[in-house]
């Protein structure tokens, strides 16, 4: 994995991530410029299957001032994801049969400078699971602080 552009921290808080995949994105030139300028937010984004094709919804990619309005893009538009057929079948099976969700985890440029998105098959957390995670995080922080002072 190369240079990370955006992470979806909320996904790790709200879901148990079972399996991760790397997917390509179908983007316009103005969208790639927005990615390079790091004008991206994955916070409320999600992935749905439309006619058995994975599509990223509600991901915000900002538009640059230098982009001509005619060639601009919709900032919260839908974007098609590129995956292998077996990966798509595996995700469809998990979503339809087992009640899982597909969530975007992070957006980055790979070693060949191509924009990629890491997505995960996830199971929703209950409120008590979230509280437990926060408690563990606080304990780890306290332990690290104590070790540093020691």
N, C-alpha and C. Protein backbone atom coordinates (compact mmCIF):
# COMPACT_ATOMS: atom_id res chain seq x y z
N UNK A 1 0.83 -1.17 0.00
CA UNK A 1 0.00 0.00 0.00
C UNK A 1 0.88 1.24 0.00
N UNK A 2 0.49 2.21 -0.80
CA UNK A 2 1.27 3.43 -0.92
C UNK A 2 0.77 4.53 0.00
N UNK A 3 0.64 5.72 -0.58
CA UNK A 3 0.29 6.92 0.16
C UNK A 3 -1.21 6.95 0.51
N UNK A 4 -1.53 6.94 1.80
CA UNK A 4 -2.92 6.97 2.24
C UNK A 4 -3.48 8.38 2.11
N UNK A 5 -4.67 8.48 1.52
CA UNK A 5 -5.32 9.77 1.32
C UNK A 5 -6.35 10.01 2.41
N UNK A 6 -7.23 9.03 2.64
CA UNK A 6 -8.29 9.20 3.63
C UNK A 6 -8.60 7.87 4.29
N UNK A 7 -8.92 7.92 5.59
CA UNK A 7 -9.32 6.73 6.34
C UNK A 7 -10.73 6.93 6.85
N UNK A 8 -11.44 5.83 7.00
CA UNK A 8 -12.79 5.87 7.54
C UNK A 8 -12.73 5.30 8.96
N UNK A 9 -12.38 6.16 9.91
CA UNK A 9 -12.24 5.71 11.31
C UNK A 9 -13.58 5.27 11.89
N UNK A 10 -14.66 5.87 11.41
CA UNK A 10 -15.99 5.55 11.90
C UNK A 10 -16.34 4.09 11.61
N UNK A 11 -15.84 3.56 10.50
CA UNK A 11 -16.13 2.17 10.13
C UNK A 11 -15.56 1.21 11.17
N UNK A 12 -14.35 1.49 11.66
CA UNK A 12 -13.74 0.62 12.67
C UNK A 12 -14.48 0.73 14.00
N UNK A 13 -15.11 1.87 14.25
CA UNK A 13 -15.87 2.07 15.49
C UNK A 13 -17.23 1.38 15.43
N UNK A 14 -17.86 1.41 14.26
CA UNK A 14 -19.23 0.90 14.12
C UNK A 14 -19.33 -0.57 13.69
N UNK A 15 -18.23 -1.15 13.17
CA UNK A 15 -18.30 -2.50 12.60
C UNK A 15 -17.13 -3.36 13.04
N UNK A 16 -17.36 -4.68 13.04
CA UNK A 16 -16.29 -5.67 13.13
C UNK A 16 -15.90 -5.98 11.69
N UNK A 17 -14.65 -5.74 11.31
CA UNK A 17 -14.21 -5.98 9.94
C UNK A 17 -13.77 -7.44 9.82
N UNK A 18 -14.46 -8.20 8.97
CA UNK A 18 -14.18 -9.63 8.81
C UNK A 18 -13.09 -9.88 7.77
N UNK A 19 -13.21 -9.23 6.61
CA UNK A 19 -12.28 -9.47 5.51
C UNK A 19 -12.10 -8.19 4.72
N UNK A 20 -10.88 -7.96 4.20
CA UNK A 20 -10.59 -6.73 3.46
C UNK A 20 -10.25 -7.05 2.01
N UNK A 21 -10.63 -6.13 1.12
CA UNK A 21 -10.34 -6.25 -0.30
C UNK A 21 -9.80 -4.92 -0.82
N UNK A 22 -9.03 -5.00 -1.89
CA UNK A 22 -8.57 -3.80 -2.58
C UNK A 22 -9.35 -3.68 -3.88
N UNK A 23 -9.93 -2.50 -4.13
CA UNK A 23 -10.73 -2.29 -5.33
C UNK A 23 -10.25 -1.05 -6.05
N UNK A 24 -10.41 -1.06 -7.37
CA UNK A 24 -10.14 0.12 -8.17
C UNK A 24 -11.39 0.98 -8.21
N UNK A 25 -11.23 2.22 -8.65
CA UNK A 25 -12.34 3.15 -8.75
C UNK A 25 -12.43 3.70 -10.17
N UNK A 26 -13.64 3.89 -10.66
CA UNK A 26 -13.83 4.56 -11.95
C UNK A 26 -13.97 6.05 -11.62
N UNK A 27 -12.96 6.84 -12.01
CA UNK A 27 -12.93 8.26 -11.67
C UNK A 27 -12.74 9.13 -12.89
N UNK A 28 -13.18 10.38 -12.78
CA UNK A 28 -12.90 11.39 -13.80
C UNK A 28 -11.60 12.08 -13.43
N UNK A 29 -11.04 12.82 -14.36
CA UNK A 29 -9.79 13.53 -14.11
C UNK A 29 -9.89 14.52 -12.98
N UNK A 30 -11.02 15.24 -12.90
CA UNK A 30 -11.19 16.23 -11.83
C UNK A 30 -11.27 15.55 -10.47
N UNK A 31 -11.80 14.33 -10.43
CA UNK A 31 -11.87 13.59 -9.17
C UNK A 31 -10.48 13.16 -8.71
N UNK A 32 -9.63 12.75 -9.65
CA UNK A 32 -8.26 12.36 -9.30
C UNK A 32 -7.50 13.56 -8.77
N UNK A 33 -7.73 14.74 -9.38
CA UNK A 33 -7.08 15.95 -8.87
C UNK A 33 -7.54 16.25 -7.45
N UNK A 34 -8.82 16.05 -7.19
CA UNK A 34 -9.35 16.23 -5.84
C UNK A 34 -8.71 15.26 -4.85
N UNK A 35 -8.48 14.02 -5.29
CA UNK A 35 -7.81 13.02 -4.43
C UNK A 35 -6.39 13.45 -4.13
N UNK A 36 -5.67 13.91 -5.15
CA UNK A 36 -4.28 14.33 -4.93
C UNK A 36 -4.19 15.51 -3.97
N UNK A 37 -5.21 16.36 -3.98
CA UNK A 37 -5.25 17.50 -3.07
C UNK A 37 -5.80 17.10 -1.70
N UNK A 38 -6.10 15.81 -1.53
CA UNK A 38 -6.62 15.24 -0.28
C UNK A 38 -7.97 15.84 0.13
N UNK A 39 -8.80 16.16 -0.82
CA UNK A 39 -10.13 16.69 -0.53
C UNK A 39 -11.14 15.55 -0.53
N UNK A 40 -10.97 14.64 0.40
CA UNK A 40 -11.79 13.43 0.43
C UNK A 40 -12.32 13.20 1.83
N UNK A 41 -13.56 12.70 1.91
CA UNK A 41 -14.14 12.31 3.19
C UNK A 41 -14.95 11.03 2.97
N UNK A 42 -14.59 9.97 3.68
CA UNK A 42 -15.28 8.68 3.57
C UNK A 42 -16.23 8.43 4.73
N UNK A 43 -16.42 9.41 5.60
CA UNK A 43 -17.12 9.19 6.87
C UNK A 43 -18.49 8.53 6.72
N UNK A 44 -19.37 9.08 5.91
CA UNK A 44 -20.73 8.54 5.80
C UNK A 44 -20.95 7.71 4.54
N UNK A 45 -19.86 7.30 3.90
CA UNK A 45 -20.00 6.58 2.64
C UNK A 45 -20.32 5.10 2.88
N UNK A 46 -20.90 4.48 1.87
CA UNK A 46 -21.27 3.07 1.95
C UNK A 46 -21.24 2.48 0.55
N UNK A 47 -21.27 1.14 0.49
CA UNK A 47 -21.22 0.43 -0.79
C UNK A 47 -22.48 -0.42 -0.93
N UNK A 48 -23.14 -0.26 -2.07
CA UNK A 48 -24.33 -1.05 -2.38
C UNK A 48 -24.10 -1.76 -3.70
N UNK A 49 -24.83 -2.84 -3.90
CA UNK A 49 -24.76 -3.56 -5.17
C UNK A 49 -25.96 -3.15 -6.03
N UNK A 50 -25.67 -2.63 -7.22
CA UNK A 50 -26.70 -2.27 -8.19
C UNK A 50 -26.47 -3.15 -9.40
N UNK A 51 -27.43 -4.02 -9.69
CA UNK A 51 -27.31 -5.01 -10.78
C UNK A 51 -26.01 -5.81 -10.65
N UNK A 52 -25.74 -6.26 -9.43
CA UNK A 52 -24.57 -7.06 -9.09
C UNK A 52 -23.24 -6.36 -9.38
N UNK A 53 -23.24 -5.02 -9.36
CA UNK A 53 -22.01 -4.25 -9.49
C UNK A 53 -21.85 -3.40 -8.23
N UNK A 54 -20.66 -3.46 -7.58
CA UNK A 54 -20.47 -2.66 -6.37
C UNK A 54 -20.30 -1.18 -6.71
N UNK A 55 -21.05 -0.34 -6.02
CA UNK A 55 -20.97 1.10 -6.26
C UNK A 55 -20.80 1.82 -4.93
N UNK A 56 -19.87 2.76 -4.92
CA UNK A 56 -19.58 3.57 -3.74
C UNK A 56 -20.50 4.79 -3.74
N UNK A 57 -21.26 4.95 -2.66
CA UNK A 57 -22.18 6.07 -2.53
C UNK A 57 -21.74 7.00 -1.42
N UNK A 58 -22.05 8.28 -1.57
CA UNK A 58 -21.91 9.29 -0.52
C UNK A 58 -20.48 9.58 -0.09
N UNK A 59 -19.49 9.19 -0.89
CA UNK A 59 -18.10 9.56 -0.59
C UNK A 59 -17.88 10.95 -1.16
N UNK A 60 -17.38 11.85 -0.34
CA UNK A 60 -17.19 13.23 -0.78
C UNK A 60 -15.79 13.40 -1.35
N UNK A 61 -15.71 13.78 -2.63
CA UNK A 61 -14.44 14.15 -3.26
C UNK A 61 -14.60 15.60 -3.71
N UNK A 62 -13.84 16.49 -3.08
CA UNK A 62 -13.96 17.92 -3.33
C UNK A 62 -13.48 18.31 -4.71
N UNK A 63 -14.02 19.41 -5.19
CA UNK A 63 -13.65 19.95 -6.50
C UNK A 63 -12.64 21.07 -6.31
N UNK A 64 -11.63 21.13 -7.16
CA UNK A 64 -10.64 22.21 -7.08
C UNK A 64 -11.15 23.45 -7.79
N UNK A 65 -10.63 24.62 -7.38
CA UNK A 65 -11.03 25.87 -8.02
C UNK A 65 -10.52 25.93 -9.46
N UNK A 66 -9.41 25.24 -9.71
CA UNK A 66 -8.80 25.29 -11.05
C UNK A 66 -9.55 24.45 -12.07
N UNK A 67 -10.47 23.60 -11.62
CA UNK A 67 -11.25 22.76 -12.53
C UNK A 67 -12.35 23.58 -13.19
N UNK A 68 -12.45 23.48 -14.50
CA UNK A 68 -13.50 24.18 -15.23
C UNK A 68 -14.85 23.57 -14.86
N UNK A 69 -15.88 24.42 -14.72
CA UNK A 69 -17.19 23.92 -14.26
C UNK A 69 -17.78 22.89 -15.22
N UNK A 70 -17.46 22.97 -16.49
CA UNK A 70 -17.99 22.02 -17.47
C UNK A 70 -17.41 20.62 -17.25
N UNK A 71 -16.15 20.56 -16.86
CA UNK A 71 -15.48 19.26 -16.66
C UNK A 71 -15.50 18.80 -15.21
N UNK A 72 -16.18 19.54 -14.35
CA UNK A 72 -16.22 19.19 -12.94
C UNK A 72 -17.02 17.91 -12.70
N UNK A 73 -17.05 17.50 -11.47
CA UNK A 73 -17.75 16.27 -11.09
C UNK A 73 -18.71 16.56 -9.94
N UNK A 74 -19.60 15.62 -9.72
CA UNK A 74 -20.52 15.71 -8.59
C UNK A 74 -19.76 15.27 -7.35
N UNK A 75 -19.72 16.12 -6.33
CA UNK A 75 -18.86 15.85 -5.17
C UNK A 75 -19.29 14.63 -4.38
N UNK A 76 -20.58 14.39 -4.24
CA UNK A 76 -21.07 13.22 -3.51
C UNK A 76 -21.71 12.20 -4.45
N UNK A 77 -21.24 12.14 -5.66
CA UNK A 77 -21.81 11.23 -6.65
C UNK A 77 -21.47 9.78 -6.38
N UNK A 78 -22.09 8.89 -7.14
CA UNK A 78 -21.79 7.45 -7.00
C UNK A 78 -20.63 7.10 -7.93
N UNK A 79 -19.79 6.18 -7.47
CA UNK A 79 -18.62 5.76 -8.23
C UNK A 79 -18.54 4.24 -8.27
N UNK A 80 -18.34 3.70 -9.45
CA UNK A 80 -18.29 2.26 -9.63
C UNK A 80 -16.95 1.72 -9.11
N UNK A 81 -17.00 0.56 -8.48
CA UNK A 81 -15.79 -0.09 -7.99
C UNK A 81 -15.41 -1.23 -8.92
N UNK A 82 -14.12 -1.44 -9.08
CA UNK A 82 -13.61 -2.48 -9.97
C UNK A 82 -13.02 -3.61 -9.13
N UNK A 83 -13.62 -4.79 -9.25
CA UNK A 83 -13.19 -5.97 -8.50
C UNK A 83 -13.23 -7.19 -9.40
N UNK A 84 -12.57 -8.27 -8.96
CA UNK A 84 -12.65 -9.53 -9.68
C UNK A 84 -14.01 -10.16 -9.43
N UNK A 85 -14.46 -10.96 -10.38
CA UNK A 85 -15.79 -11.56 -10.31
C UNK A 85 -15.96 -12.43 -9.06
N UNK A 86 -14.93 -13.19 -8.70
CA UNK A 86 -15.01 -14.05 -7.51
C UNK A 86 -15.17 -13.23 -6.24
N UNK A 87 -14.48 -12.08 -6.19
CA UNK A 87 -14.60 -11.21 -5.01
C UNK A 87 -16.01 -10.65 -4.91
N UNK A 88 -16.57 -10.24 -6.05
CA UNK A 88 -17.93 -9.70 -6.07
C UNK A 88 -18.92 -10.76 -5.61
N UNK A 89 -18.76 -12.01 -6.10
CA UNK A 89 -19.66 -13.10 -5.71
C UNK A 89 -19.58 -13.37 -4.21
N UNK A 90 -18.36 -13.33 -3.67
CA UNK A 90 -18.16 -13.57 -2.24
C UNK A 90 -18.87 -12.49 -1.41
N UNK A 91 -18.75 -11.24 -1.85
CA UNK A 91 -19.40 -10.14 -1.12
C UNK A 91 -20.92 -10.21 -1.24
N UNK A 92 -21.41 -10.51 -2.43
CA UNK A 92 -22.86 -10.63 -2.63
C UNK A 92 -23.44 -11.71 -1.72
N UNK A 93 -22.73 -12.82 -1.65
CA UNK A 93 -23.17 -13.94 -0.80
C UNK A 93 -23.22 -13.50 0.66
N UNK A 94 -22.18 -12.79 1.11
CA UNK A 94 -22.12 -12.34 2.51
C UNK A 94 -23.24 -11.35 2.81
N UNK A 95 -23.50 -10.44 1.89
CA UNK A 95 -24.52 -9.42 2.11
C UNK A 95 -25.92 -10.02 2.09
N UNK A 96 -26.20 -10.86 1.09
CA UNK A 96 -27.55 -11.40 0.93
C UNK A 96 -27.90 -12.47 1.94
N UNK A 97 -26.97 -13.37 2.22
CA UNK A 97 -27.30 -14.52 3.05
C UNK A 97 -26.98 -14.29 4.52
N UNK A 98 -25.83 -13.71 4.79
CA UNK A 98 -25.35 -13.63 6.17
C UNK A 98 -25.62 -12.28 6.84
N UNK A 99 -26.16 -11.30 6.13
CA UNK A 99 -26.48 -10.02 6.73
C UNK A 99 -25.29 -9.12 7.02
N UNK A 100 -24.24 -9.26 6.25
CA UNK A 100 -23.07 -8.40 6.41
C UNK A 100 -23.25 -7.11 5.61
N UNK A 101 -22.34 -6.16 5.84
CA UNK A 101 -22.34 -4.88 5.14
C UNK A 101 -20.97 -4.71 4.50
N UNK A 102 -20.94 -3.99 3.38
CA UNK A 102 -19.66 -3.67 2.75
C UNK A 102 -19.37 -2.21 3.04
N UNK A 103 -18.23 -1.94 3.68
CA UNK A 103 -17.88 -0.57 4.04
C UNK A 103 -16.51 -0.18 3.47
N UNK A 104 -16.37 1.08 3.03
CA UNK A 104 -15.05 1.57 2.60
C UNK A 104 -14.20 1.86 3.83
N UNK A 105 -12.94 1.43 3.80
CA UNK A 105 -12.06 1.61 4.95
C UNK A 105 -11.05 2.72 4.73
N UNK A 106 -10.37 2.69 3.58
CA UNK A 106 -9.44 3.77 3.29
C UNK A 106 -9.21 3.92 1.80
N UNK A 107 -8.77 5.11 1.42
CA UNK A 107 -8.51 5.46 0.03
C UNK A 107 -7.03 5.80 -0.08
N UNK A 108 -6.36 5.29 -1.10
CA UNK A 108 -4.93 5.52 -1.22
C UNK A 108 -4.48 5.38 -2.67
N UNK A 109 -3.26 5.85 -2.93
CA UNK A 109 -2.61 5.61 -4.22
C UNK A 109 -1.63 4.47 -4.01
N UNK A 110 -1.69 3.47 -4.92
CA UNK A 110 -0.79 2.33 -4.76
C UNK A 110 0.60 2.66 -5.30
N UNK A 111 1.48 1.65 -5.36
CA UNK A 111 2.86 1.87 -5.78
C UNK A 111 2.95 2.37 -7.22
N UNK A 112 1.96 2.01 -8.05
CA UNK A 112 1.96 2.46 -9.45
C UNK A 112 1.18 3.75 -9.62
N UNK A 113 0.89 4.43 -8.49
CA UNK A 113 0.22 5.73 -8.48
C UNK A 113 -1.21 5.67 -9.02
N UNK A 114 -1.89 4.57 -8.76
CA UNK A 114 -3.28 4.39 -9.18
C UNK A 114 -4.15 4.46 -7.92
N UNK A 115 -5.25 5.20 -8.01
CA UNK A 115 -6.14 5.35 -6.86
C UNK A 115 -6.85 4.02 -6.57
N UNK A 116 -6.78 3.57 -5.33
CA UNK A 116 -7.41 2.33 -4.89
C UNK A 116 -8.19 2.61 -3.61
N UNK A 117 -9.18 1.77 -3.37
CA UNK A 117 -9.95 1.89 -2.13
C UNK A 117 -9.94 0.53 -1.44
N UNK A 118 -9.71 0.54 -0.14
CA UNK A 118 -9.77 -0.70 0.62
C UNK A 118 -11.17 -0.81 1.20
N UNK A 119 -11.83 -1.92 0.92
CA UNK A 119 -13.18 -2.13 1.43
C UNK A 119 -13.20 -3.39 2.27
N UNK A 120 -14.17 -3.48 3.14
CA UNK A 120 -14.22 -4.63 4.02
C UNK A 120 -15.62 -5.18 4.18
N UNK A 121 -15.69 -6.50 4.36
CA UNK A 121 -16.95 -7.14 4.71
C UNK A 121 -17.06 -6.99 6.22
N UNK A 122 -18.15 -6.36 6.68
CA UNK A 122 -18.24 -5.98 8.08
C UNK A 122 -19.57 -6.41 8.70
N UNK A 123 -19.53 -6.63 9.99
CA UNK A 123 -20.71 -6.96 10.79
C UNK A 123 -20.91 -5.82 11.78
N UNK A 124 -22.12 -5.32 11.90
CA UNK A 124 -22.41 -4.19 12.78
C UNK A 124 -22.18 -4.50 14.25
N UNK A 125 -21.69 -3.50 14.99
CA UNK A 125 -21.47 -3.65 16.42
C UNK A 125 -22.70 -3.18 17.19
N UNK A 126 -22.93 -3.80 18.33
CA UNK A 126 -23.95 -3.34 19.26
C UNK A 126 -23.34 -2.26 20.14
N UNK A 127 -24.16 -1.54 20.86
CA UNK A 127 -23.69 -0.44 21.71
C UNK A 127 -22.70 -0.93 22.76
N UNK A 128 -22.97 -2.09 23.37
CA UNK A 128 -22.06 -2.59 24.41
C UNK A 128 -20.70 -2.98 23.83
N UNK A 129 -20.67 -3.42 22.56
CA UNK A 129 -19.38 -3.73 21.91
C UNK A 129 -18.55 -2.46 21.73
N UNK A 130 -19.23 -1.37 21.35
CA UNK A 130 -18.53 -0.09 21.15
C UNK A 130 -17.95 0.40 22.47
N UNK A 131 -18.74 0.26 23.55
CA UNK A 131 -18.26 0.68 24.86
C UNK A 131 -17.04 -0.13 25.28
N UNK A 132 -17.09 -1.43 25.02
CA UNK A 132 -15.98 -2.32 25.36
C UNK A 132 -14.71 -1.91 24.60
N UNK A 133 -14.85 -1.60 23.31
CA UNK A 133 -13.71 -1.16 22.51
C UNK A 133 -13.10 0.13 23.06
N UNK A 134 -13.96 1.08 23.43
CA UNK A 134 -13.45 2.34 23.99
C UNK A 134 -12.72 2.10 25.31
N UNK A 135 -13.26 1.17 26.12
CA UNK A 135 -12.62 0.84 27.39
C UNK A 135 -11.23 0.24 27.17
N UNK A 136 -11.14 -0.69 26.21
CA UNK A 136 -9.85 -1.30 25.89
C UNK A 136 -8.86 -0.28 25.37
N UNK A 137 -9.33 0.64 24.54
CA UNK A 137 -8.48 1.68 23.98
C UNK A 137 -7.91 2.56 25.09
N UNK A 138 -8.77 2.94 26.05
CA UNK A 138 -8.34 3.75 27.18
C UNK A 138 -7.30 3.01 28.03
N UNK A 139 -7.52 1.71 28.25
CA UNK A 139 -6.57 0.92 29.04
C UNK A 139 -5.21 0.84 28.35
N UNK A 140 -5.22 0.63 27.04
CA UNK A 140 -3.96 0.57 26.29
C UNK A 140 -3.21 1.90 26.38
N UNK A 141 -3.96 3.00 26.28
CA UNK A 141 -3.36 4.33 26.37
C UNK A 141 -2.74 4.54 27.74
N UNK A 142 -3.45 4.12 28.81
CA UNK A 142 -2.93 4.27 30.17
C UNK A 142 -1.67 3.43 30.38
N UNK A 143 -1.68 2.21 29.83
CA UNK A 143 -0.51 1.33 29.96
C UNK A 143 0.68 1.95 29.23
N UNK A 144 0.44 2.46 28.02
CA UNK A 144 1.53 3.08 27.25
C UNK A 144 2.09 4.29 27.98
N UNK A 145 1.22 5.09 28.59
CA UNK A 145 1.65 6.28 29.33
C UNK A 145 2.47 5.87 30.54
N UNK A 146 2.03 4.83 31.25
CA UNK A 146 2.76 4.35 32.43
C UNK A 146 4.14 3.81 32.06
N UNK A 147 4.19 3.09 30.94
CA UNK A 147 5.48 2.54 30.47
C UNK A 147 6.43 3.66 30.08
N UNK A 148 5.90 4.70 29.46
CA UNK A 148 6.71 5.83 29.03
C UNK A 148 7.30 6.57 30.23
N UNK A 149 6.46 6.76 31.28
CA UNK A 149 6.92 7.46 32.48
C UNK A 149 7.89 6.60 33.30
N UNK A 150 7.75 5.28 33.21
CA UNK A 150 8.59 4.37 33.96
C UNK A 150 10.00 4.42 33.37
